[in-house]
Amino acid sequence: MNYESSIYQKINRIADWVIRIIMINVLMILTSIPLITLFPSLAAGYKLFYEYTHKNEVRLFSSYFAFFKADFMRKLQIGLILIIVLLLGYYNVTYYVNVLSSHETLFYQIGYYIAFAFLFVVFVVTLYTLPIVTTYPRLKLGLMMKLAFALSGKYFLRTILLMLIHLIPFALMLTQVTMLFAIFGGLSIPMVLAVFVHEKATNYIISLGERHD
């Protein structure tokens, strides 16, 4: 009887997580449709998964929208800045790629490597903004970016793993079979994995605040 009860509990836990992954994925997609609300949507999903992974059984819908609305303008500002900087970095890289295809000079090669390095740094910093903004949303932007950059170096191997994790949505869209997973968990799957990978970084971020209390 105890064995059967244990099996049922495991099945229920798996079912709960499947439902959470699907529903949070849908919520993140719906609330990020205007695009400018992408970062607040991702932050809300990240925070909700963080609560669930720490066994805090909060309500899914009400908690998601509470996290989404909390410090909304602050997260909107951060998201817009990151999007603009990433787009500028991507534009610079593509510009040098196009120029090098016709004028392969040392000057343009140096420019390409600088532009690529800049884009890489911005992308890496972006990976660590979610655990920071969900812990200390009102931290000054400059300090937040510096901390994110420091964390990316401090947890270098985890940073590489995070980069691979964020390729999952694109990998899922490569075949018709995995496309279904992309539709129902394309954002949620890498998000919940990122929460686990960010565990050490999040604990370190929290400890920084405790030192100043």
N, C-alpha and C. Protein backbone atom coordinates (compact mmCIF):
# COMPACT_ATOMS: atom_id res chain seq x y z
N MET A 1 0.82 -1.21 0.00
CA MET A 1 0.00 0.00 0.00
C MET A 1 0.86 1.26 0.00
N ASN A 2 1.90 1.26 0.86
CA ASN A 2 2.81 2.39 0.91
C ASN A 2 3.54 2.57 -0.41
N TYR A 3 3.87 1.43 -1.04
CA TYR A 3 4.57 1.48 -2.33
C TYR A 3 3.67 2.14 -3.37
N GLU A 4 2.39 1.73 -3.41
CA GLU A 4 1.44 2.31 -4.37
C GLU A 4 1.25 3.80 -4.10
N SER A 5 1.17 4.16 -2.83
CA SER A 5 1.01 5.57 -2.46
C SER A 5 2.21 6.39 -2.92
N SER A 6 3.41 5.82 -2.79
CA SER A 6 4.62 6.50 -3.23
C SER A 6 4.62 6.71 -4.74
N ILE A 7 4.16 5.69 -5.48
CA ILE A 7 4.08 5.79 -6.94
C ILE A 7 3.11 6.89 -7.34
N TYR A 8 1.94 6.91 -6.69
CA TYR A 8 0.93 7.93 -6.99
C TYR A 8 1.46 9.34 -6.71
N GLN A 9 2.20 9.48 -5.62
CA GLN A 9 2.77 10.78 -5.28
C GLN A 9 3.76 11.25 -6.33
N LYS A 10 4.58 10.32 -6.81
CA LYS A 10 5.56 10.66 -7.85
C LYS A 10 4.86 11.04 -9.14
N ILE A 11 3.82 10.29 -9.50
CA ILE A 11 3.05 10.59 -10.72
C ILE A 11 2.40 11.97 -10.60
N ASN A 12 1.85 12.26 -9.43
CA ASN A 12 1.21 13.56 -9.20
C ASN A 12 2.22 14.70 -9.29
N ARG A 13 3.42 14.48 -8.74
CA ARG A 13 4.46 15.51 -8.81
C ARG A 13 4.88 15.77 -10.25
N ILE A 14 5.04 14.70 -11.02
CA ILE A 14 5.41 14.84 -12.43
C ILE A 14 4.31 15.58 -13.19
N ALA A 15 3.05 15.19 -12.92
CA ALA A 15 1.92 15.84 -13.58
C ALA A 15 1.86 17.32 -13.23
N ASP A 16 2.11 17.64 -11.96
CA ASP A 16 2.12 19.04 -11.52
C ASP A 16 3.17 19.85 -12.27
N TRP A 17 4.36 19.27 -12.42
CA TRP A 17 5.44 19.98 -13.10
C TRP A 17 5.15 20.14 -14.59
N VAL A 18 4.55 19.15 -15.21
CA VAL A 18 4.19 19.26 -16.63
C VAL A 18 3.18 20.39 -16.81
N ILE A 19 2.18 20.43 -15.93
CA ILE A 19 1.16 21.49 -16.00
C ILE A 19 1.79 22.86 -15.78
N ARG A 20 2.69 22.95 -14.81
CA ARG A 20 3.36 24.22 -14.54
C ARG A 20 4.18 24.69 -15.73
N ILE A 21 4.94 23.78 -16.32
CA ILE A 21 5.78 24.13 -17.46
C ILE A 21 4.93 24.64 -18.62
N ILE A 22 3.83 23.95 -18.90
CA ILE A 22 2.95 24.35 -20.01
C ILE A 22 2.27 25.68 -19.72
N MET A 23 1.68 25.81 -18.53
CA MET A 23 0.90 27.01 -18.21
C MET A 23 1.79 28.25 -18.09
N ILE A 24 2.94 28.11 -17.46
CA ILE A 24 3.85 29.25 -17.33
C ILE A 24 4.40 29.64 -18.69
N ASN A 25 4.64 28.66 -19.54
CA ASN A 25 5.08 28.94 -20.91
C ASN A 25 4.03 29.77 -21.64
N VAL A 26 2.77 29.37 -21.53
CA VAL A 26 1.67 30.11 -22.17
C VAL A 26 1.57 31.53 -21.62
N LEU A 27 1.68 31.66 -20.30
CA LEU A 27 1.59 32.98 -19.67
C LEU A 27 2.73 33.89 -20.12
N MET A 28 3.94 33.36 -20.19
CA MET A 28 5.08 34.17 -20.63
C MET A 28 4.92 34.62 -22.07
N ILE A 29 4.40 33.74 -22.91
CA ILE A 29 4.18 34.10 -24.32
C ILE A 29 3.11 35.18 -24.43
N LEU A 30 1.98 35.00 -23.75
CA LEU A 30 0.87 35.95 -23.84
C LEU A 30 1.24 37.33 -23.30
N THR A 31 1.95 37.36 -22.18
CA THR A 31 2.29 38.66 -21.58
C THR A 31 3.48 39.34 -22.26
N SER A 32 4.17 38.62 -23.13
CA SER A 32 5.30 39.23 -23.85
C SER A 32 4.98 39.53 -25.30
N ILE A 33 3.70 39.40 -25.68
CA ILE A 33 3.30 39.67 -27.06
C ILE A 33 3.66 41.10 -27.50
N PRO A 34 3.50 42.13 -26.62
CA PRO A 34 3.92 43.47 -27.05
C PRO A 34 5.43 43.61 -27.27
N LEU A 35 6.20 42.59 -26.93
CA LEU A 35 7.66 42.52 -27.05
C LEU A 35 8.38 43.37 -26.02
N ILE A 36 7.91 44.60 -25.79
CA ILE A 36 8.57 45.44 -24.80
C ILE A 36 8.38 44.88 -23.38
N THR A 37 7.39 44.01 -23.22
CA THR A 37 7.15 43.39 -21.90
C THR A 37 7.82 42.02 -21.79
N LEU A 38 8.73 41.72 -22.70
CA LEU A 38 9.41 40.42 -22.69
C LEU A 38 10.16 40.18 -21.39
N PHE A 39 10.94 41.16 -20.97
CA PHE A 39 11.76 40.97 -19.76
C PHE A 39 10.91 40.82 -18.50
N PRO A 40 9.88 41.66 -18.27
CA PRO A 40 9.00 41.43 -17.12
C PRO A 40 8.34 40.05 -17.15
N SER A 41 8.00 39.57 -18.35
CA SER A 41 7.38 38.24 -18.48
C SER A 41 8.36 37.14 -18.09
N LEU A 42 9.59 37.24 -18.59
CA LEU A 42 10.61 36.25 -18.26
C LEU A 42 10.96 36.29 -16.77
N ALA A 43 11.01 37.50 -16.22
CA ALA A 43 11.32 37.65 -14.79
C ALA A 43 10.23 37.02 -13.93
N ALA A 44 8.97 37.19 -14.34
CA ALA A 44 7.85 36.60 -13.60
C ALA A 44 7.90 35.08 -13.66
N GLY A 45 8.17 34.55 -14.85
CA GLY A 45 8.29 33.10 -15.01
C GLY A 45 9.46 32.54 -14.21
N TYR A 46 10.58 33.25 -14.24
CA TYR A 46 11.77 32.82 -13.50
C TYR A 46 11.48 32.79 -12.00
N LYS A 47 10.87 33.86 -11.50
CA LYS A 47 10.56 33.96 -10.07
C LYS A 47 9.60 32.85 -9.64
N LEU A 48 8.61 32.56 -10.48
CA LEU A 48 7.64 31.51 -10.15
C LEU A 48 8.30 30.14 -10.11
N PHE A 49 9.16 29.86 -11.08
CA PHE A 49 9.89 28.58 -11.08
C PHE A 49 10.84 28.50 -9.88
N TYR A 50 11.42 29.63 -9.51
CA TYR A 50 12.30 29.66 -8.34
C TYR A 50 11.52 29.25 -7.09
N GLU A 51 10.31 29.78 -6.96
CA GLU A 51 9.47 29.44 -5.80
C GLU A 51 9.14 27.95 -5.80
N TYR A 52 8.78 27.42 -6.95
CA TYR A 52 8.40 26.00 -7.03
C TYR A 52 9.59 25.07 -6.76
N THR A 53 10.77 25.43 -7.26
CA THR A 53 11.94 24.58 -7.03
C THR A 53 12.38 24.60 -5.57
N HIS A 54 11.95 25.63 -4.84
CA HIS A 54 12.26 25.70 -3.41
C HIS A 54 11.05 25.27 -2.56
N LYS A 55 10.16 24.52 -3.23
CA LYS A 55 9.01 23.89 -2.55
C LYS A 55 8.06 24.89 -1.91
N ASN A 56 7.99 26.09 -2.48
CA ASN A 56 6.99 27.08 -2.05
C ASN A 56 5.78 26.95 -2.97
N GLU A 57 4.75 26.30 -2.49
CA GLU A 57 3.59 25.98 -3.33
C GLU A 57 2.66 27.19 -3.47
N VAL A 58 3.14 28.19 -4.21
CA VAL A 58 2.34 29.39 -4.45
C VAL A 58 1.35 29.14 -5.58
N ARG A 59 0.29 29.94 -5.63
CA ARG A 59 -0.70 29.80 -6.69
C ARG A 59 -0.11 30.25 -8.02
N LEU A 60 -0.40 29.50 -9.05
CA LEU A 60 0.25 29.73 -10.33
C LEU A 60 -0.16 31.06 -10.96
N PHE A 61 -1.45 31.24 -11.25
CA PHE A 61 -1.89 32.42 -11.99
C PHE A 61 -1.73 33.71 -11.19
N SER A 62 -2.25 33.72 -9.97
CA SER A 62 -2.18 34.95 -9.17
C SER A 62 -0.74 35.33 -8.85
N SER A 63 0.11 34.34 -8.59
CA SER A 63 1.51 34.62 -8.28
C SER A 63 2.25 35.13 -9.51
N TYR A 64 1.96 34.53 -10.67
CA TYR A 64 2.63 34.97 -11.89
C TYR A 64 2.34 36.45 -12.14
N PHE A 65 1.07 36.83 -12.08
CA PHE A 65 0.71 38.22 -12.37
C PHE A 65 1.18 39.17 -11.27
N ALA A 66 1.26 38.67 -10.05
CA ALA A 66 1.82 39.49 -8.96
C ALA A 66 3.30 39.75 -9.21
N PHE A 67 4.04 38.72 -9.61
CA PHE A 67 5.46 38.88 -9.95
C PHE A 67 5.64 39.75 -11.19
N PHE A 68 4.72 39.60 -12.15
CA PHE A 68 4.78 40.37 -13.39
C PHE A 68 4.60 41.87 -13.12
N LYS A 69 3.68 42.20 -12.21
CA LYS A 69 3.38 43.61 -11.93
C LYS A 69 4.37 44.24 -10.95
N ALA A 70 5.02 43.42 -10.14
CA ALA A 70 5.96 43.95 -9.14
C ALA A 70 7.14 44.65 -9.82
N ASP A 71 7.38 45.92 -9.45
CA ASP A 71 8.48 46.71 -10.03
C ASP A 71 8.44 46.66 -11.56
N PHE A 72 7.23 46.75 -12.11
CA PHE A 72 7.04 46.57 -13.55
C PHE A 72 7.85 47.58 -14.37
N MET A 73 7.75 48.86 -14.04
CA MET A 73 8.43 49.89 -14.82
C MET A 73 9.95 49.71 -14.75
N ARG A 74 10.43 49.29 -13.61
CA ARG A 74 11.87 49.06 -13.45
C ARG A 74 12.34 47.93 -14.37
N LYS A 75 11.60 46.82 -14.36
CA LYS A 75 11.96 45.68 -15.21
C LYS A 75 11.75 46.01 -16.68
N LEU A 76 10.74 46.82 -16.97
CA LEU A 76 10.51 47.24 -18.36
C LEU A 76 11.70 48.05 -18.87
N GLN A 77 12.20 48.95 -18.04
CA GLN A 77 13.36 49.77 -18.40
C GLN A 77 14.59 48.90 -18.64
N ILE A 78 14.84 47.97 -17.74
CA ILE A 78 16.00 47.08 -17.89
C ILE A 78 15.88 46.26 -19.16
N GLY A 79 14.69 45.72 -19.41
CA GLY A 79 14.46 44.91 -20.60
C GLY A 79 14.68 45.68 -21.88
N LEU A 80 14.17 46.91 -21.94
CA LEU A 80 14.34 47.73 -23.14
C LEU A 80 15.80 48.06 -23.40
N ILE A 81 16.52 48.38 -22.33
CA ILE A 81 17.96 48.68 -22.47
C ILE A 81 18.71 47.47 -22.99
N LEU A 82 18.42 46.29 -22.43
CA LEU A 82 19.10 45.07 -22.87
C LEU A 82 18.77 44.74 -24.32
N ILE A 83 17.51 44.89 -24.71
CA ILE A 83 17.10 44.61 -26.09
C ILE A 83 17.81 45.54 -27.06
N ILE A 84 17.84 46.84 -26.73
CA ILE A 84 18.48 47.83 -27.60
C ILE A 84 19.97 47.55 -27.74
N VAL A 85 20.63 47.27 -26.61
CA VAL A 85 22.08 47.01 -26.64
C VAL A 85 22.39 45.72 -27.41
N LEU A 86 21.58 44.69 -27.21
CA LEU A 86 21.77 43.43 -27.95
C LEU A 86 21.56 43.63 -29.44
N LEU A 87 20.56 44.41 -29.81
CA LEU A 87 20.30 44.68 -31.23
C LEU A 87 21.43 45.48 -31.85
N LEU A 88 21.95 46.45 -31.11
CA LEU A 88 23.08 47.24 -31.60
C LEU A 88 24.32 46.36 -31.78
N GLY A 89 24.55 45.48 -30.81
CA GLY A 89 25.68 44.55 -30.92
C GLY A 89 25.53 43.63 -32.10
N TYR A 90 24.33 43.11 -32.30
CA TYR A 90 24.07 42.21 -33.44
C TYR A 90 24.23 42.96 -34.76
N TYR A 91 23.76 44.20 -34.80
CA TYR A 91 23.89 45.01 -36.02
C TYR A 91 25.37 45.24 -36.35
N ASN A 92 26.17 45.55 -35.34
CA ASN A 92 27.60 45.79 -35.57
C ASN A 92 28.30 44.55 -36.10
N VAL A 93 27.96 43.39 -35.54
CA VAL A 93 28.58 42.14 -35.99
C VAL A 93 28.20 41.85 -37.44
N THR A 94 26.92 41.97 -37.77
CA THR A 94 26.48 41.71 -39.15
C THR A 94 27.07 42.73 -40.12
N TYR A 95 27.25 43.96 -39.65
CA TYR A 95 27.86 44.99 -40.51
C TYR A 95 29.28 44.60 -40.89
N TYR A 96 30.07 44.19 -39.89
CA TYR A 96 31.45 43.80 -40.16
C TYR A 96 31.54 42.52 -40.98
N VAL A 97 30.60 41.61 -40.79
CA VAL A 97 30.57 40.38 -41.60
C VAL A 97 30.35 40.74 -43.07
N ASN A 98 29.42 41.64 -43.33
CA ASN A 98 29.14 42.06 -44.71
C ASN A 98 30.31 42.81 -45.33
N VAL A 99 30.95 43.66 -44.52
CA VAL A 99 32.10 44.43 -45.03
C VAL A 99 33.27 43.50 -45.32
N LEU A 100 33.52 42.55 -44.43
CA LEU A 100 34.65 41.63 -44.60
C LEU A 100 34.48 40.72 -45.81
N SER A 101 33.24 40.49 -46.22
CA SER A 101 33.01 39.66 -47.40
C SER A 101 33.52 40.31 -48.68
N SER A 102 33.68 41.64 -48.64
CA SER A 102 34.16 42.35 -49.83
C SER A 102 35.48 43.09 -49.60
N HIS A 103 35.75 43.48 -48.32
CA HIS A 103 36.99 44.19 -47.99
C HIS A 103 37.64 43.56 -46.76
N GLU A 104 38.41 42.53 -46.98
CA GLU A 104 39.03 41.82 -45.86
C GLU A 104 40.35 42.47 -45.48
N THR A 105 40.23 43.55 -44.68
CA THR A 105 41.41 44.27 -44.21
C THR A 105 41.59 44.07 -42.71
N LEU A 106 42.78 44.37 -42.22
CA LEU A 106 43.08 44.21 -40.80
C LEU A 106 42.18 45.09 -39.94
N PHE A 107 41.92 46.30 -40.42
CA PHE A 107 41.09 47.25 -39.67
C PHE A 107 39.69 46.68 -39.43
N TYR A 108 39.09 46.14 -40.48
CA TYR A 108 37.74 45.58 -40.35
C TYR A 108 37.73 44.27 -39.56
N GLN A 109 38.81 43.51 -39.65
CA GLN A 109 38.91 42.28 -38.85
C GLN A 109 38.95 42.60 -37.36
N ILE A 110 39.74 43.62 -37.00
CA ILE A 110 39.80 44.05 -35.60
C ILE A 110 38.43 44.54 -35.14
N GLY A 111 37.78 45.33 -36.01
CA GLY A 111 36.45 45.83 -35.70
C GLY A 111 35.45 44.71 -35.48
N TYR A 112 35.57 43.66 -36.29
CA TYR A 112 34.66 42.51 -36.17
C TYR A 112 34.86 41.81 -34.83
N TYR A 113 36.11 41.57 -34.45
CA TYR A 113 36.38 40.87 -33.19
C TYR A 113 35.94 41.70 -31.98
N ILE A 114 36.11 43.01 -32.06
CA ILE A 114 35.65 43.88 -30.98
C ILE A 114 34.13 43.85 -30.87
N ALA A 115 33.46 43.93 -32.02
CA ALA A 115 31.99 43.90 -32.04
C ALA A 115 31.46 42.56 -31.54
N PHE A 116 32.12 41.48 -31.94
CA PHE A 116 31.69 40.15 -31.50
C PHE A 116 31.89 39.97 -30.00
N ALA A 117 33.04 40.46 -29.50
CA ALA A 117 33.33 40.37 -28.07
C ALA A 117 32.31 41.17 -27.27
N PHE A 118 31.95 42.34 -27.79
CA PHE A 118 30.95 43.18 -27.13
C PHE A 118 29.60 42.48 -27.06
N LEU A 119 29.18 41.89 -28.17
CA LEU A 119 27.91 41.16 -28.22
C LEU A 119 27.92 39.98 -27.26
N PHE A 120 29.04 39.28 -27.21
CA PHE A 120 29.18 38.13 -26.32
C PHE A 120 29.05 38.55 -24.85
N VAL A 121 29.72 39.63 -24.49
CA VAL A 121 29.68 40.12 -23.10
C VAL A 121 28.27 40.55 -22.73
N VAL A 122 27.60 41.26 -23.63
CA VAL A 122 26.23 41.72 -23.36
C VAL A 122 25.30 40.52 -23.18
N PHE A 123 25.46 39.50 -24.02
CA PHE A 123 24.62 38.30 -23.92
C PHE A 123 24.85 37.59 -22.60
N VAL A 124 26.12 37.46 -22.22
CA VAL A 124 26.47 36.78 -20.97
C VAL A 124 25.92 37.55 -19.77
N VAL A 125 26.04 38.87 -19.81
CA VAL A 125 25.51 39.71 -18.73
C VAL A 125 24.00 39.55 -18.63
N THR A 126 23.34 39.47 -19.78
CA THR A 126 21.88 39.30 -19.82
C THR A 126 21.45 38.02 -19.11
N LEU A 127 22.25 36.97 -19.23
CA LEU A 127 21.92 35.68 -18.61
C LEU A 127 21.79 35.79 -17.09
N TYR A 128 22.55 36.71 -16.49
CA TYR A 128 22.56 36.81 -15.03
C TYR A 128 21.68 37.93 -14.49
N THR A 129 20.99 38.65 -15.37
CA THR A 129 20.13 39.73 -14.88
C THR A 129 18.88 39.19 -14.19
N LEU A 130 18.37 38.03 -14.62
CA LEU A 130 17.15 37.49 -14.02
C LEU A 130 17.30 37.14 -12.54
N PRO A 131 18.34 36.37 -12.14
CA PRO A 131 18.47 36.11 -10.70
C PRO A 131 18.73 37.37 -9.88
N ILE A 132 19.38 38.37 -10.49
CA ILE A 132 19.65 39.61 -9.77
C ILE A 132 18.38 40.43 -9.61
N VAL A 133 17.64 40.61 -10.72
CA VAL A 133 16.46 41.47 -10.68
C VAL A 133 15.33 40.85 -9.88
N THR A 134 15.27 39.52 -9.81
CA THR A 134 14.23 38.89 -8.99
C THR A 134 14.59 38.89 -7.51
N THR A 135 15.86 39.13 -7.19
CA THR A 135 16.30 39.21 -5.79
C THR A 135 16.35 40.65 -5.31
N TYR A 136 16.99 41.52 -6.11
CA TYR A 136 17.10 42.94 -5.78
C TYR A 136 16.68 43.78 -6.98
N PRO A 137 15.36 43.91 -7.21
CA PRO A 137 14.86 44.59 -8.41
C PRO A 137 15.21 46.07 -8.48
N ARG A 138 15.49 46.69 -7.33
CA ARG A 138 15.76 48.14 -7.33
C ARG A 138 17.25 48.47 -7.26
N LEU A 139 18.06 47.47 -7.49
CA LEU A 139 19.50 47.70 -7.54
C LEU A 139 19.82 48.61 -8.72
N LYS A 140 20.76 49.54 -8.53
CA LYS A 140 21.12 50.46 -9.61
C LYS A 140 21.57 49.69 -10.84
N LEU A 141 21.17 50.18 -12.01
CA LEU A 141 21.42 49.46 -13.25
C LEU A 141 22.90 49.20 -13.48
N GLY A 142 23.73 50.22 -13.27
CA GLY A 142 25.16 50.06 -13.47
C GLY A 142 25.75 48.99 -12.56
N LEU A 143 25.32 49.00 -11.30
CA LEU A 143 25.80 48.00 -10.34
C LEU A 143 25.28 46.61 -10.71
N MET A 144 24.06 46.56 -11.22
CA MET A 144 23.48 45.28 -11.64
C MET A 144 24.28 44.66 -12.79
N MET A 145 24.67 45.49 -13.76
CA MET A 145 25.43 45.00 -14.91
C MET A 145 26.83 44.54 -14.47
N LYS A 146 27.44 45.29 -13.56
CA LYS A 146 28.77 44.91 -13.05
C LYS A 146 28.70 43.59 -12.29
N LEU A 147 27.66 43.44 -11.48
CA LEU A 147 27.49 42.21 -10.71
C LEU A 147 27.23 41.03 -11.64
N ALA A 148 26.41 41.24 -12.67
CA ALA A 148 26.12 40.17 -13.64
C ALA A 148 27.38 39.74 -14.36
N PHE A 149 28.21 40.71 -14.74
CA PHE A 149 29.47 40.39 -15.42
C PHE A 149 30.41 39.63 -14.49
N ALA A 150 30.47 40.05 -13.23
CA ALA A 150 31.34 39.38 -12.25
C ALA A 150 30.87 37.94 -12.02
N LEU A 151 29.56 37.74 -11.95
CA LEU A 151 29.01 36.40 -11.73
C LEU A 151 29.29 35.48 -12.92
N SER A 152 29.26 36.05 -14.11
CA SER A 152 29.51 35.24 -15.31
C SER A 152 30.93 34.69 -15.32
N GLY A 153 31.86 35.45 -14.72
CA GLY A 153 33.24 34.97 -14.60
C GLY A 153 33.44 34.06 -13.41
N LYS A 154 32.78 34.39 -12.31
CA LYS A 154 32.90 33.60 -11.08
C LYS A 154 32.38 32.18 -11.29
N TYR A 155 31.30 32.07 -12.05
CA TYR A 155 30.70 30.76 -12.33
C TYR A 155 30.81 30.47 -13.83
N PHE A 156 32.03 30.47 -14.31
CA PHE A 156 32.29 30.39 -15.75
C PHE A 156 31.69 29.13 -16.39
N LEU A 157 31.90 27.97 -15.77
CA LEU A 157 31.39 26.72 -16.34
C LEU A 157 29.86 26.72 -16.38
N ARG A 158 29.25 27.29 -15.35
CA ARG A 158 27.79 27.40 -15.32
C ARG A 158 27.31 28.39 -16.39
N THR A 159 28.13 29.40 -16.66
CA THR A 159 27.79 30.36 -17.71
C THR A 159 27.75 29.67 -19.07
N ILE A 160 28.74 28.82 -19.33
CA ILE A 160 28.75 28.05 -20.58
C ILE A 160 27.52 27.16 -20.66
N LEU A 161 27.18 26.52 -19.55
CA LEU A 161 25.99 25.65 -19.51
C LEU A 161 24.72 26.46 -19.76
N LEU A 162 24.65 27.66 -19.20
CA LEU A 162 23.49 28.53 -19.42
C LEU A 162 23.35 28.91 -20.88
N MET A 163 24.47 29.17 -21.54
CA MET A 163 24.44 29.50 -22.96
C MET A 163 23.88 28.33 -23.77
N LEU A 164 24.29 27.13 -23.42
CA LEU A 164 23.78 25.93 -24.11
C LEU A 164 22.29 25.74 -23.84
N ILE A 165 21.88 25.99 -22.59
CA ILE A 165 20.48 25.85 -22.22
C ILE A 165 19.59 26.78 -23.03
N HIS A 166 20.08 27.99 -23.27
CA HIS A 166 19.27 28.97 -24.01
C HIS A 166 19.23 28.69 -25.51
N LEU A 167 19.94 27.67 -25.94
CA LEU A 167 19.84 27.22 -27.34
C LEU A 167 18.73 26.18 -27.51
N ILE A 168 18.19 25.69 -26.39
CA ILE A 168 17.17 24.64 -26.43
C ILE A 168 15.96 25.02 -27.28
N PRO A 169 15.38 26.23 -27.13
CA PRO A 169 14.22 26.57 -27.96
C PRO A 169 14.50 26.47 -29.46
N PHE A 170 15.69 26.88 -29.88
CA PHE A 170 16.05 26.81 -31.30
C PHE A 170 16.25 25.36 -31.73
N ALA A 171 16.85 24.55 -30.85
CA ALA A 171 17.07 23.13 -31.15
C ALA A 171 15.74 22.40 -31.28
N LEU A 172 14.77 22.76 -30.44
CA LEU A 172 13.46 22.10 -30.47
C LEU A 172 12.70 22.37 -31.76
N MET A 173 13.02 23.47 -32.42
CA MET A 173 12.31 23.83 -33.64
C MET A 173 12.91 23.21 -34.90
N LEU A 174 13.94 22.39 -34.73
CA LEU A 174 14.62 21.81 -35.89
C LEU A 174 13.84 20.66 -36.53
N THR A 175 13.04 19.96 -35.74
CA THR A 175 12.28 18.83 -36.29
C THR A 175 10.80 18.98 -35.94
N GLN A 176 9.96 18.31 -36.71
CA GLN A 176 8.52 18.37 -36.47
C GLN A 176 8.14 17.68 -35.16
N VAL A 177 8.89 16.66 -34.79
CA VAL A 177 8.60 15.92 -33.56
C VAL A 177 8.84 16.80 -32.33
N THR A 178 9.98 17.49 -32.31
CA THR A 178 10.32 18.32 -31.15
C THR A 178 9.63 19.68 -31.18
N MET A 179 9.04 20.03 -32.32
CA MET A 179 8.34 21.31 -32.43
C MET A 179 7.22 21.43 -31.40
N LEU A 180 6.60 20.31 -31.09
CA LEU A 180 5.52 20.29 -30.10
C LEU A 180 6.04 20.71 -28.73
N PHE A 181 7.24 20.25 -28.38
CA PHE A 181 7.85 20.64 -27.11
C PHE A 181 8.18 22.13 -27.11
N ALA A 182 8.56 22.65 -28.27
CA ALA A 182 8.87 24.08 -28.39
C ALA A 182 7.63 24.92 -28.16
N ILE A 183 6.49 24.45 -28.65
CA ILE A 183 5.23 25.19 -28.51
C ILE A 183 4.78 25.24 -27.05
N PHE A 184 4.87 24.10 -26.37
CA PHE A 184 4.34 24.02 -25.00
C PHE A 184 5.38 24.29 -23.91
N GLY A 185 6.67 24.27 -24.28
CA GLY A 185 7.69 24.49 -23.24
C GLY A 185 8.94 25.18 -23.73
N GLY A 186 8.84 25.86 -24.88
CA GLY A 186 10.03 26.49 -25.46
C GLY A 186 10.69 27.53 -24.58
N LEU A 187 9.88 28.25 -23.79
CA LEU A 187 10.43 29.23 -22.85
C LEU A 187 10.59 28.63 -21.45
N SER A 188 9.63 27.81 -21.05
CA SER A 188 9.63 27.27 -19.69
C SER A 188 10.76 26.29 -19.42
N ILE A 189 11.04 25.42 -20.39
CA ILE A 189 12.07 24.39 -20.17
C ILE A 189 13.44 25.01 -19.90
N PRO A 190 13.93 25.93 -20.76
CA PRO A 190 15.22 26.55 -20.43
C PRO A 190 15.16 27.41 -19.18
N MET A 191 13.97 27.97 -18.89
CA MET A 191 13.83 28.82 -17.70
C MET A 191 14.00 28.02 -16.41
N VAL A 192 13.32 26.89 -16.33
CA VAL A 192 13.42 26.09 -15.10
C VAL A 192 14.81 25.47 -14.96
N LEU A 193 15.43 25.12 -16.07
CA LEU A 193 16.81 24.62 -16.02
C LEU A 193 17.77 25.72 -15.56
N ALA A 194 17.51 26.95 -16.03
CA ALA A 194 18.35 28.08 -15.63
C ALA A 194 18.24 28.35 -14.13
N VAL A 195 17.05 28.16 -13.57
CA VAL A 195 16.86 28.34 -12.12
C VAL A 195 17.79 27.40 -11.35
N PHE A 196 17.87 26.14 -11.79
CA PHE A 196 18.75 25.17 -11.12
C PHE A 196 20.22 25.55 -11.30
N VAL A 197 20.59 25.95 -12.51
CA VAL A 197 21.99 26.31 -12.78
C VAL A 197 22.39 27.57 -12.02
N HIS A 198 21.43 28.48 -11.85
CA HIS A 198 21.69 29.75 -11.15
C HIS A 198 21.72 29.61 -9.63
N GLU A 199 21.50 28.41 -9.11
CA GLU A 199 21.34 28.23 -7.67
C GLU A 199 22.49 28.83 -6.86
N LYS A 200 23.72 28.51 -7.24
CA LYS A 200 24.88 29.04 -6.51
C LYS A 200 24.98 30.55 -6.64
N ALA A 201 24.75 31.05 -7.85
CA ALA A 201 24.81 32.49 -8.08
C ALA A 201 23.73 33.21 -7.27
N THR A 202 22.53 32.65 -7.23
CA THR A 202 21.43 33.25 -6.47
C THR A 202 21.76 33.30 -4.99
N ASN A 203 22.29 32.21 -4.46
CA ASN A 203 22.68 32.17 -3.04
C ASN A 203 23.76 33.21 -2.74
N TYR A 204 24.67 33.39 -3.68
CA TYR A 204 25.73 34.39 -3.52
C TYR A 204 25.14 35.80 -3.53
N ILE A 205 24.19 36.04 -4.45
CA ILE A 205 23.53 37.35 -4.53
C ILE A 205 22.80 37.66 -3.23
N ILE A 206 22.09 36.67 -2.70
CA ILE A 206 21.36 36.85 -1.44
C ILE A 206 22.33 37.13 -0.29
N SER A 207 23.47 36.43 -0.29
CA SER A 207 24.46 36.61 0.78
C SER A 207 25.06 38.02 0.76
N LEU A 208 25.15 38.62 -0.43
CA LEU A 208 25.67 39.99 -0.53
C LEU A 208 24.77 40.96 0.20
N GLY A 209 23.46 40.74 0.06
CA GLY A 209 22.51 41.60 0.76
C GLY A 209 22.55 41.39 2.26
N GLU A 210 22.74 40.15 2.68
CA GLU A 210 22.78 39.84 4.12
C GLU A 210 24.00 40.46 4.79
N ARG A 211 25.09 40.58 4.04
CA ARG A 211 26.31 41.18 4.60
C ARG A 211 26.12 42.66 4.92
N HIS A 212 25.19 43.30 4.15
CA HIS A 212 25.00 44.74 4.32
C HIS A 212 23.81 45.07 5.23
N ASP A 213 23.17 44.02 5.76
CA ASP A 213 22.04 44.25 6.68
C ASP A 213 22.53 44.63 8.08
